All heavy atoms as atom14 arrays in JSON, in Angstrom:
{
  "sequence": "VPADFEKKANEVSKGKLTLSKEPVKINNGFLLLYDGIDINCTFDS",
  "atom14_mask": [
    [1, 1, 1, 1, 1, 1, 1, 0, 0, 0, 0, 0, 0, 0],
    [1, 1, 1, 1, 1, 1, 1, 0, 0, 0, 0, 0, 0, 0],
    [1, 1, 1, 1, 1, 0, 0, 0, 0, 0, 0, 0, 0, 0],
    [1, 1, 1, 1, 1, 1, 1, 1, 0, 0, 0, 0, 0, 0],
    [1, 1, 1, 1, 1, 1, 1, 1, 1, 1, 1, 0, 0, 0],
    [1, 1, 1, 1, 1, 1, 1, 1, 1, 0, 0, 0, 0, 0],
    [1, 1, 1, 1, 1, 1, 1, 1, 1, 0, 0, 0, 0, 0],
    [1, 1, 1, 1, 1, 1, 1, 1, 1, 0, 0, 0, 0, 0],
    [1, 1, 1, 1, 1, 0, 0, 0, 0, 0, 0, 0, 0, 0],
    [1, 1, 1, 1, 1, 1, 1, 1, 0, 0, 0, 0, 0, 0],
    [1, 1, 1, 1, 1, 1, 1, 1, 1, 0, 0, 0, 0, 0],
    [1, 1, 1, 1, 1, 1, 1, 0, 0, 0, 0, 0, 0, 0],
    [1, 1, 1, 1, 1, 1, 0, 0, 0, 0, 0, 0, 0, 0],
    [1, 1, 1, 1, 1, 1, 1, 1, 1, 0, 0, 0, 0, 0],
    [1, 1, 1, 1, 0, 0, 0, 0, 0, 0, 0, 0, 0, 0],
    [1, 1, 1, 1, 1, 1, 1, 1, 1, 0, 0, 0, 0, 0],
    [1, 1, 1, 1, 1, 1, 1, 1, 0, 0, 0, 0, 0, 0],
    [1, 1, 1, 1, 1, 1, 1, 0, 0, 0, 0, 0, 0, 0],
    [1, 1, 1, 1, 1, 1, 1, 1, 0, 0, 0, 0, 0, 0],
    [1, 1, 1, 1, 1, 1, 0, 0, 0, 0, 0, 0, 0, 0],
    [1, 1, 1, 1, 1, 1, 1, 1, 1, 0, 0, 0, 0, 0],
    [1, 1, 1, 1, 1, 1, 1, 1, 1, 0, 0, 0, 0, 0],
    [1, 1, 1, 1, 1, 1, 1, 0, 0, 0, 0, 0, 0, 0],
    [1, 1, 1, 1, 1, 1, 1, 0, 0, 0, 0, 0, 0, 0],
    [1, 1, 1, 1, 1, 1, 1, 1, 1, 0, 0, 0, 0, 0],
    [1, 1, 1, 1, 1, 1, 1, 1, 0, 0, 0, 0, 0, 0],
    [1, 1, 1, 1, 1, 1, 1, 1, 0, 0, 0, 0, 0, 0],
    [1, 1, 1, 1, 1, 1, 1, 1, 0, 0, 0, 0, 0, 0],
    [1, 1, 1, 1, 0, 0, 0, 0, 0, 0, 0, 0, 0, 0],
    [1, 1, 1, 1, 1, 1, 1, 1, 1, 1, 1, 0, 0, 0],
    [1, 1, 1, 1, 1, 1, 1, 1, 0, 0, 0, 0, 0, 0],
    [1, 1, 1, 1, 1, 1, 1, 1, 0, 0, 0, 0, 0, 0],
    [1, 1, 1, 1, 1, 1, 1, 1, 0, 0, 0, 0, 0, 0],
    [1, 1, 1, 1, 1, 1, 1, 1, 1, 1, 1, 1, 0, 0],
    [1, 1, 1, 1, 1, 1, 1, 1, 0, 0, 0, 0, 0, 0],
    [1, 1, 1, 1, 0, 0, 0, 0, 0, 0, 0, 0, 0, 0],
    [1, 1, 1, 1, 1, 1, 1, 1, 0, 0, 0, 0, 0, 0],
    [1, 1, 1, 1, 1, 1, 1, 1, 0, 0, 0, 0, 0, 0],
    [1, 1, 1, 1, 1, 1, 1, 1, 0, 0, 0, 0, 0, 0],
    [1, 1, 1, 1, 1, 1, 1, 1, 0, 0, 0, 0, 0, 0],
    [1, 1, 1, 1, 1, 1, 0, 0, 0, 0, 0, 0, 0, 0],
    [1, 1, 1, 1, 1, 1, 1, 0, 0, 0, 0, 0, 0, 0],
    [1, 1, 1, 1, 1, 1, 1, 1, 1, 1, 1, 0, 0, 0],
    [1, 1, 1, 1, 1, 1, 1, 1, 0, 0, 0, 0, 0, 0],
    [1, 1, 1, 1, 1, 1, 0, 0, 0, 0, 0, 0, 0, 0]
  ],
  "atom14_positions": [
    [[0.8, -1.23, -0.05], [-0.07, 0.03, 0.01], [0.89, 1.22, 0.02], [1.86, 1.34, 0.67], [-0.9, 0.05, 1.2], [-0.33, 0.17, 2.5], [-2.14, 1.11, 1.0], [0.0, 0.0, 0.0], [0.0, 0.0, 0.0], [0.0, 0.0, 0.0], [0.0, 0.0, 0.0], [0.0, 0.0, 0.0], [0.0, 0.0, 0.0], [0.0, 0.0, 0.0]],
    [[0.52, 2.29, -0.85], [1.33, 3.47, -0.83], [1.21, 4.2, 0.52], [0.14, 4.09, 1.16], [0.67, 4.37, -1.91], [-0.15, 3.31, -2.79], [-0.5, 2.22, -1.86], [0.0, 0.0, 0.0], [0.0, 0.0, 0.0], [0.0, 0.0, 0.0], [0.0, 0.0, 0.0], [0.0, 0.0, 0.0], [0.0, 0.0, 0.0], [0.0, 0.0, 0.0]],
    [[2.22, 4.94, 0.93], [2.26, 5.63, 2.03], [1.16, 6.65, 2.35], [0.59, 6.98, 3.3], [3.66, 6.39, 2.2], [0.0, 0.0, 0.0], [0.0, 0.0, 0.0], [0.0, 0.0, 0.0], [0.0, 0.0, 0.0], [0.0, 0.0, 0.0], [0.0, 0.0, 0.0], [0.0, 0.0, 0.0], [0.0, 0.0, 0.0], [0.0, 0.0, 0.0]],
    [[0.75, 7.26, 1.13], [-0.3, 8.32, 1.16], [-1.7, 7.8, 0.87], [-2.71, 8.51, 0.68], [0.04, 9.43, 0.2], [0.14, 8.93, -1.28], [0.07, 7.7, -1.49], [0.07, 9.86, -2.17], [0.0, 0.0, 0.0], [0.0, 0.0, 0.0], [0.0, 0.0, 0.0], [0.0, 0.0, 0.0], [0.0, 0.0, 0.0], [0.0, 0.0, 0.0]],
    [[-1.91, 6.46, 0.89], [-3.19, 5.81, 0.61], [-4.23, 6.38, 1.59], [-5.31, 6.74, 1.14], [-3.1, 4.4, 0.51], [-4.46, 3.71, 0.24], [-4.89, 3.65, -1.12], [-5.29, 3.19, 1.21], [-6.08, 3.07, -1.39], [-6.5, 2.63, 0.95], [-6.89, 2.49, -0.45], [0.0, 0.0, 0.0], [0.0, 0.0, 0.0], [0.0, 0.0, 0.0]],
    [[-3.98, 6.23, 2.88], [-5.06, 6.63, 3.88], [-5.42, 8.2, 3.68], [-6.56, 8.53, 3.65], [-4.46, 6.41, 5.24], [-5.56, 6.64, 6.38], [-5.03, 6.28, 7.73], [-4.2, 5.35, 7.87], [-5.59, 6.82, 8.74], [0.0, 0.0, 0.0], [0.0, 0.0, 0.0], [0.0, 0.0, 0.0], [0.0, 0.0, 0.0], [0.0, 0.0, 0.0]],
    [[-4.38, 8.97, 3.39], [-4.69, 10.33, 3.24], [-5.58, 10.58, 2.03], [-6.55, 11.37, 2.12], [-3.34, 11.17, 2.97], [-3.52, 12.63, 2.77], [-2.14, 13.25, 2.59], [-2.39, 14.78, 2.15], [-1.58, 15.18, 1.13], [0.0, 0.0, 0.0], [0.0, 0.0, 0.0], [0.0, 0.0, 0.0], [0.0, 0.0, 0.0], [0.0, 0.0, 0.0]],
    [[-5.31, 9.95, 0.82], [-5.97, 10.03, -0.37], [-7.41, 9.5, -0.06], [-8.46, 10.11, -0.66], [-5.32, 9.38, -1.55], [-4.11, 10.1, -2.13], [-3.56, 9.42, -3.26], [-2.4, 10.11, -3.87], [-1.79, 9.4, -4.96], [0.0, 0.0, 0.0], [0.0, 0.0, 0.0], [0.0, 0.0, 0.0], [0.0, 0.0, 0.0], [0.0, 0.0, 0.0]],
    [[-7.58, 8.39, 0.65], [-8.87, 7.76, 0.8], [-9.74, 8.8, 1.64], [-10.89, 8.98, 1.39], [-8.72, 6.5, 1.59], [0.0, 0.0, 0.0], [0.0, 0.0, 0.0], [0.0, 0.0, 0.0], [0.0, 0.0, 0.0], [0.0, 0.0, 0.0], [0.0, 0.0, 0.0], [0.0, 0.0, 0.0], [0.0, 0.0, 0.0], [0.0, 0.0, 0.0]],
    [[-9.08, 9.58, 2.65], [-9.88, 10.48, 3.39], [-10.29, 11.68, 2.64], [-11.29, 12.44, 2.85], [-9.07, 10.78, 4.73], [-9.39, 9.81, 5.79], [-10.62, 9.52, 6.22], [-8.34, 9.09, 6.27], [0.0, 0.0, 0.0], [0.0, 0.0, 0.0], [0.0, 0.0, 0.0], [0.0, 0.0, 0.0], [0.0, 0.0, 0.0], [0.0, 0.0, 0.0]],
    [[-9.47, 12.04, 1.64], [-9.78, 13.11, 0.78], [-11.06, 12.98, 0.01], [-11.74, 13.87, -0.34], [-8.52, 13.51, -0.16], [-7.43, 14.17, 0.59], [-6.16, 14.22, -0.37], [-6.35, 13.87, -1.54], [-5.17, 14.75, 0.17], [0.0, 0.0, 0.0], [0.0, 0.0, 0.0], [0.0, 0.0, 0.0], [0.0, 0.0, 0.0], [0.0, 0.0, 0.0]],
    [[-11.2, 11.74, -0.45], [-12.47, 11.37, -1.27], [-13.64, 10.81, -0.44], [-14.74, 10.71, -0.95], [-12.0, 10.45, -2.34], [-11.1, 11.07, -3.35], [-11.6, 9.11, -1.91], [0.0, 0.0, 0.0], [0.0, 0.0, 0.0], [0.0, 0.0, 0.0], [0.0, 0.0, 0.0], [0.0, 0.0, 0.0], [0.0, 0.0, 0.0], [0.0, 0.0, 0.0]],
    [[-13.37, 10.35, 0.77], [-14.4, 9.74, 1.63], [-15.4, 10.78, 2.1], [-15.03, 11.96, 2.33], [-13.61, 9.07, 2.82], [-14.62, 8.5, 3.76], [0.0, 0.0, 0.0], [0.0, 0.0, 0.0], [0.0, 0.0, 0.0], [0.0, 0.0, 0.0], [0.0, 0.0, 0.0], [0.0, 0.0, 0.0], [0.0, 0.0, 0.0], [0.0, 0.0, 0.0]],
    [[-16.55, 10.28, 2.41], [-17.6, 11.14, 2.97], [-17.42, 11.18, 4.43], [-18.06, 12.12, 5.06], [-18.97, 10.48, 2.58], [-19.26, 10.45, 1.13], [-20.58, 9.6, 0.7], [-20.59, 9.42, -0.62], [-20.26, 8.08, -1.05], [0.0, 0.0, 0.0], [0.0, 0.0, 0.0], [0.0, 0.0, 0.0], [0.0, 0.0, 0.0], [0.0, 0.0, 0.0]],
    [[-16.71, 10.27, 5.09], [-16.48, 10.37, 6.47], [-14.99, 10.04, 6.76], [-14.23, 10.07, 5.92], [0.0, 0.0, 0.0], [0.0, 0.0, 0.0], [0.0, 0.0, 0.0], [0.0, 0.0, 0.0], [0.0, 0.0, 0.0], [0.0, 0.0, 0.0], [0.0, 0.0, 0.0], [0.0, 0.0, 0.0], [0.0, 0.0, 0.0], [0.0, 0.0, 0.0]],
    [[-14.67, 9.82, 8.08], [-13.27, 9.54, 8.45], [-12.89, 8.12, 8.38], [-13.65, 7.33, 8.96], [-13.06, 10.16, 9.88], [-11.74, 9.74, 10.63], [-10.76, 10.84, 10.28], [-9.43, 10.68, 11.14], [-8.39, 10.11, 10.38], [0.0, 0.0, 0.0], [0.0, 0.0, 0.0], [0.0, 0.0, 0.0], [0.0, 0.0, 0.0], [0.0, 0.0, 0.0]],
    [[-11.86, 7.74, 7.72], [-11.36, 6.31, 7.52], [-9.93, 6.19, 8.09], [-9.16, 7.04, 7.89], [-11.49, 5.95, 6.09], [-12.92, 5.88, 5.45], [-12.67, 5.55, 3.97], [-13.71, 4.83, 6.13], [0.0, 0.0, 0.0], [0.0, 0.0, 0.0], [0.0, 0.0, 0.0], [0.0, 0.0, 0.0], [0.0, 0.0, 0.0], [0.0, 0.0, 0.0]],
    [[-9.73, 4.96, 8.64], [-8.29, 4.64, 8.98], [-8.01, 3.33, 8.42], [-8.88, 2.55, 8.17], [-8.15, 4.58, 10.57], [-9.12, 3.52, 11.07], [-8.39, 5.84, 11.26], [0.0, 0.0, 0.0], [0.0, 0.0, 0.0], [0.0, 0.0, 0.0], [0.0, 0.0, 0.0], [0.0, 0.0, 0.0], [0.0, 0.0, 0.0], [0.0, 0.0, 0.0]],
    [[-6.78, 3.18, 7.97], [-6.33, 1.95, 7.33], [-5.98, 0.93, 8.49], [-5.04, 1.29, 9.19], [-5.22, 2.28, 6.39], [-4.59, 1.06, 5.67], [-5.61, 0.39, 4.8], [-3.41, 1.42, 4.81], [0.0, 0.0, 0.0], [0.0, 0.0, 0.0], [0.0, 0.0, 0.0], [0.0, 0.0, 0.0], [0.0, 0.0, 0.0], [0.0, 0.0, 0.0]],
    [[-6.65, -0.2, 8.52], [-6.32, -1.23, 9.39], [-5.03, -1.91, 9.11], [-4.74, -2.2, 7.91], [-7.45, -2.23, 9.56], [-7.07, -3.37, 10.4], [0.0, 0.0, 0.0], [0.0, 0.0, 0.0], [0.0, 0.0, 0.0], [0.0, 0.0, 0.0], [0.0, 0.0, 0.0], [0.0, 0.0, 0.0], [0.0, 0.0, 0.0], [0.0, 0.0, 0.0]],
    [[-4.15, -2.14, 10.11], [-2.92, -2.9, 9.87], [-3.2, -4.39, 10.0], [-2.23, -5.18, 9.69], [-1.8, -2.34, 10.93], [-1.62, -0.9, 10.85], [-1.04, -0.48, 9.53], [-0.87, 1.1, 9.53], [-0.76, 1.64, 8.25], [0.0, 0.0, 0.0], [0.0, 0.0, 0.0], [0.0, 0.0, 0.0], [0.0, 0.0, 0.0], [0.0, 0.0, 0.0]],
    [[-4.33, -4.8, 10.38], [-4.57, -6.29, 10.47], [-5.22, -6.71, 9.25], [-6.28, -6.26, 8.68], [-5.66, -6.44, 11.63], [-5.14, -6.13, 13.07], [-4.05, -7.09, 13.44], [-4.05, -8.31, 13.15], [-3.01, -6.48, 13.96], [0.0, 0.0, 0.0], [0.0, 0.0, 0.0], [0.0, 0.0, 0.0], [0.0, 0.0, 0.0], [0.0, 0.0, 0.0]],
    [[-4.49, -7.64, 8.63], [-5.07, -8.28, 7.29], [-6.17, -9.11, 7.34], [-6.38, -9.71, 8.47], [-3.75, -9.01, 6.68], [-3.06, -9.42, 7.85], [-3.24, -8.41, 8.92], [0.0, 0.0, 0.0], [0.0, 0.0, 0.0], [0.0, 0.0, 0.0], [0.0, 0.0, 0.0], [0.0, 0.0, 0.0], [0.0, 0.0, 0.0], [0.0, 0.0, 0.0]],
    [[-7.0, -9.34, 6.36], [-8.07, -10.19, 6.39], [-7.93, -11.16, 5.22], [-7.17, -10.89, 4.26], [-9.59, -9.47, 6.3], [-9.82, -8.7, 7.6], [-9.51, -8.61, 5.14], [0.0, 0.0, 0.0], [0.0, 0.0, 0.0], [0.0, 0.0, 0.0], [0.0, 0.0, 0.0], [0.0, 0.0, 0.0], [0.0, 0.0, 0.0], [0.0, 0.0, 0.0]],
    [[-8.7, -12.19, 5.16], [-8.56, -13.2, 4.02], [-9.49, -12.77, 2.92], [-10.66, -13.26, 2.91], [-8.91, -14.62, 4.62], [-7.72, -15.15, 5.35], [-7.92, -16.59, 5.7], [-6.67, -17.09, 6.48], [-6.7, -18.64, 6.53], [0.0, 0.0, 0.0], [0.0, 0.0, 0.0], [0.0, 0.0, 0.0], [0.0, 0.0, 0.0], [0.0, 0.0, 0.0]],
    [[-9.12, -11.98, 2.05], [-9.83, -11.58, 0.92], [-8.88, -11.7, -0.31], [-7.65, -11.62, -0.12], [-10.55, -10.25, 0.97], [-9.52, -9.15, 1.28], [-11.66, -10.35, 2.01], [-10.18, -7.67, 1.18], [0.0, 0.0, 0.0], [0.0, 0.0, 0.0], [0.0, 0.0, 0.0], [0.0, 0.0, 0.0], [0.0, 0.0, 0.0], [0.0, 0.0, 0.0]],
    [[-9.3, -11.8, -1.54], [-8.43, -11.85, -2.63], [-7.92, -10.57, -3.11], [-6.63, -10.37, -3.38], [-9.22, -12.49, -3.79], [-9.44, -14.06, -3.68], [-8.67, -14.57, -3.09], [-10.45, -14.46, -4.18], [0.0, 0.0, 0.0], [0.0, 0.0, 0.0], [0.0, 0.0, 0.0], [0.0, 0.0, 0.0], [0.0, 0.0, 0.0], [0.0, 0.0, 0.0]],
    [[-8.78, -9.56, -3.12], [-8.3, -8.16, -3.49], [-9.37, -7.21, -3.08], [-10.36, -7.66, -2.57], [-8.16, -8.27, -5.08], [-9.3, -8.83, -5.81], [-10.37, -8.69, -5.51], [-8.97, -9.72, -6.76], [0.0, 0.0, 0.0], [0.0, 0.0, 0.0], [0.0, 0.0, 0.0], [0.0, 0.0, 0.0], [0.0, 0.0, 0.0], [0.0, 0.0, 0.0]],
    [[-9.12, -5.97, -3.44], [-10.05, -4.92, -3.06], [-9.91, -4.74, -1.49], [-8.88, -4.87, -0.92], [0.0, 0.0, 0.0], [0.0, 0.0, 0.0], [0.0, 0.0, 0.0], [0.0, 0.0, 0.0], [0.0, 0.0, 0.0], [0.0, 0.0, 0.0], [0.0, 0.0, 0.0], [0.0, 0.0, 0.0], [0.0, 0.0, 0.0], [0.0, 0.0, 0.0]],
    [[-11.01, -4.39, -0.78], [-10.97, -4.07, 0.6], [-12.33, -4.24, 1.15], [-13.31, -4.39, 0.45], [-10.42, -2.71, 0.92], [-11.26, -1.56, 0.17], [-12.3, -0.95, 0.8], [-10.87, -1.2, -1.14], [-12.93, 0.05, 0.2], [-11.6, -0.22, -1.78], [-12.67, 0.45, -1.12], [0.0, 0.0, 0.0], [0.0, 0.0, 0.0], [0.0, 0.0, 0.0]],
    [[-12.44, -4.14, 2.51], [-13.67, -4.01, 3.23], [-13.72, -2.66, 3.92], [-12.69, -2.19, 4.43], [-13.78, -5.18, 4.3], [-13.78, -6.57, 3.82], [-13.72, -7.57, 5.0], [-14.75, -6.93, 2.84], [0.0, 0.0, 0.0], [0.0, 0.0, 0.0], [0.0, 0.0, 0.0], [0.0, 0.0, 0.0], [0.0, 0.0, 0.0], [0.0, 0.0, 0.0]],
    [[-14.81, -1.99, 3.92], [-15.08, -0.85, 4.68], [-15.89, -1.36, 5.92], [-17.08, -1.81, 5.82], [-15.95, 0.13, 4.01], [-15.18, 0.88, 2.84], [-16.16, 1.78, 2.09], [-14.01, 1.77, 3.3], [0.0, 0.0, 0.0], [0.0, 0.0, 0.0], [0.0, 0.0, 0.0], [0.0, 0.0, 0.0], [0.0, 0.0, 0.0], [0.0, 0.0, 0.0]],
    [[-15.29, -1.16, 7.13], [-15.98, -1.57, 8.36], [-16.47, -0.36, 9.12], [-15.64, 0.48, 9.52], [-15.05, -2.44, 9.21], [-14.41, -3.62, 8.61], [-13.49, -4.43, 9.66], [-15.39, -4.66, 8.05], [0.0, 0.0, 0.0], [0.0, 0.0, 0.0], [0.0, 0.0, 0.0], [0.0, 0.0, 0.0], [0.0, 0.0, 0.0], [0.0, 0.0, 0.0]],
    [[-17.64, -0.23, 9.28], [-18.29, 0.77, 10.24], [-18.96, 0.07, 11.38], [-19.09, -1.12, 11.35], [-19.36, 1.53, 9.29], [-18.75, 2.28, 8.2], [-18.81, 1.82, 6.86], [-18.11, 3.57, 8.42], [-18.37, 2.55, 5.79], [-17.69, 4.18, 7.34], [-17.68, 3.69, 5.99], [-17.2, 4.44, 4.99], [0.0, 0.0, 0.0], [0.0, 0.0, 0.0]],
    [[-19.32, 0.82, 12.26], [-19.98, 0.25, 13.55], [-21.24, -0.49, 13.01], [-22.33, 0.19, 12.83], [-20.32, 1.42, 14.5], [-20.72, 0.93, 15.84], [-20.31, -0.25, 16.22], [-21.53, 1.54, 16.53], [0.0, 0.0, 0.0], [0.0, 0.0, 0.0], [0.0, 0.0, 0.0], [0.0, 0.0, 0.0], [0.0, 0.0, 0.0], [0.0, 0.0, 0.0]],
    [[-21.2, -1.73, 12.94], [-22.36, -2.57, 12.63], [-22.56, -2.78, 11.21], [-23.62, -3.43, 10.86], [0.0, 0.0, 0.0], [0.0, 0.0, 0.0], [0.0, 0.0, 0.0], [0.0, 0.0, 0.0], [0.0, 0.0, 0.0], [0.0, 0.0, 0.0], [0.0, 0.0, 0.0], [0.0, 0.0, 0.0], [0.0, 0.0, 0.0], [0.0, 0.0, 0.0]],
    [[-21.91, -2.05, 10.34], [-22.02, -2.16, 8.86], [-20.84, -2.51, 8.2], [-19.81, -1.88, 8.37], [-22.72, -0.81, 8.24], [-24.01, -0.5, 8.88], [-22.73, -0.98, 6.75], [-24.54, 0.79, 8.54], [0.0, 0.0, 0.0], [0.0, 0.0, 0.0], [0.0, 0.0, 0.0], [0.0, 0.0, 0.0], [0.0, 0.0, 0.0], [0.0, 0.0, 0.0]],
    [[-20.73, -3.56, 7.38], [-19.58, -3.9, 6.52], [-19.9, -3.69, 5.13], [-20.98, -4.23, 4.64], [-19.17, -5.29, 6.8], [-18.69, -5.53, 8.29], [-18.55, -4.63, 8.98], [-18.6, -6.82, 8.65], [0.0, 0.0, 0.0], [0.0, 0.0, 0.0], [0.0, 0.0, 0.0], [0.0, 0.0, 0.0], [0.0, 0.0, 0.0], [0.0, 0.0, 0.0]],
    [[-19.05, -2.98, 4.43], [-19.27, -2.88, 3.0], [-18.23, -3.64, 2.16], [-17.03, -3.34, 2.52], [-19.29, -1.36, 2.56], [-20.47, -0.72, 3.27], [-19.5, -1.2, 1.11], [-20.48, 0.8, 3.1], [0.0, 0.0, 0.0], [0.0, 0.0, 0.0], [0.0, 0.0, 0.0], [0.0, 0.0, 0.0], [0.0, 0.0, 0.0], [0.0, 0.0, 0.0]],
    [[-18.57, -4.62, 1.51], [-17.59, -5.55, 0.81], [-17.32, -4.92, -0.57], [-18.06, -4.82, -1.48], [-18.32, -6.88, 0.63], [-17.31, -7.87, 0.19], [-16.19, -7.62, -0.42], [-17.62, -9.14, 0.35], [0.0, 0.0, 0.0], [0.0, 0.0, 0.0], [0.0, 0.0, 0.0], [0.0, 0.0, 0.0], [0.0, 0.0, 0.0], [0.0, 0.0, 0.0]],
    [[-16.1, -4.43, -0.66], [-15.51, -3.84, -1.86], [-14.46, -4.65, -2.52], [-13.49, -4.13, -3.21], [-14.92, -2.5, -1.59], [-16.22, -1.2, -1.14], [0.0, 0.0, 0.0], [0.0, 0.0, 0.0], [0.0, 0.0, 0.0], [0.0, 0.0, 0.0], [0.0, 0.0, 0.0], [0.0, 0.0, 0.0], [0.0, 0.0, 0.0], [0.0, 0.0, 0.0]],
    [[-14.58, -6.07, -2.24], [-13.7, -6.9, -3.07], [-14.11, -6.99, -4.45], [-15.29, -6.77, -4.71], [-13.71, -8.32, -2.34], [-15.07, -8.87, -2.46], [-13.26, -8.22, -0.97], [0.0, 0.0, 0.0], [0.0, 0.0, 0.0], [0.0, 0.0, 0.0], [0.0, 0.0, 0.0], [0.0, 0.0, 0.0], [0.0, 0.0, 0.0], [0.0, 0.0, 0.0]],
    [[-13.17, -7.23, -5.33], [-13.63, -7.29, -6.77], [-14.72, -8.37, -7.09], [-15.64, -8.29, -7.74], [-12.38, -7.56, -7.71], [-11.43, -6.49, -7.58], [-10.14, -6.6, -8.02], [-11.75, -5.07, -7.15], [-9.24, -5.51, -7.91], [-11.0, -4.14, -7.08], [-9.54, -4.3, -7.47], [0.0, 0.0, 0.0], [0.0, 0.0, 0.0], [0.0, 0.0, 0.0]],
    [[-14.49, -9.53, -6.31], [-15.43, -10.68, -6.51], [-16.88, -10.18, -6.16], [-17.83, -10.34, -6.89], [-15.08, -11.84, -5.64], [-13.86, -12.56, -6.12], [-13.5, -12.47, -7.33], [-13.15, -13.17, -5.32], [0.0, 0.0, 0.0], [0.0, 0.0, 0.0], [0.0, 0.0, 0.0], [0.0, 0.0, 0.0], [0.0, 0.0, 0.0], [0.0, 0.0, 0.0]],
    [[-16.94, -9.5, -4.89], [-18.26, -8.95, -4.51], [-18.8, -7.85, -5.45], [-20.04, -8.01, -5.79], [-18.17, -8.45, -3.11], [-19.4, -7.8, -2.76], [0.0, 0.0, 0.0], [0.0, 0.0, 0.0], [0.0, 0.0, 0.0], [0.0, 0.0, 0.0], [0.0, 0.0, 0.0], [0.0, 0.0, 0.0], [0.0, 0.0, 0.0], [0.0, 0.0, 0.0]]
  ]
}
C-alpha cells in the first residue's frame, strides 16, 4: 500500500477512515468496516 493511501482515501471519503494494519482473508479490494455495517468492496463481490 502506498504511504499516502489513507490520506487520499480520506480526501475522497464522505467520513473519516483509518487503514487497518490487521489483514483479512480476501483476494483483492478491501472491506469498509463501520460500526455494525460492513461494505464489501472486493472485486469478487
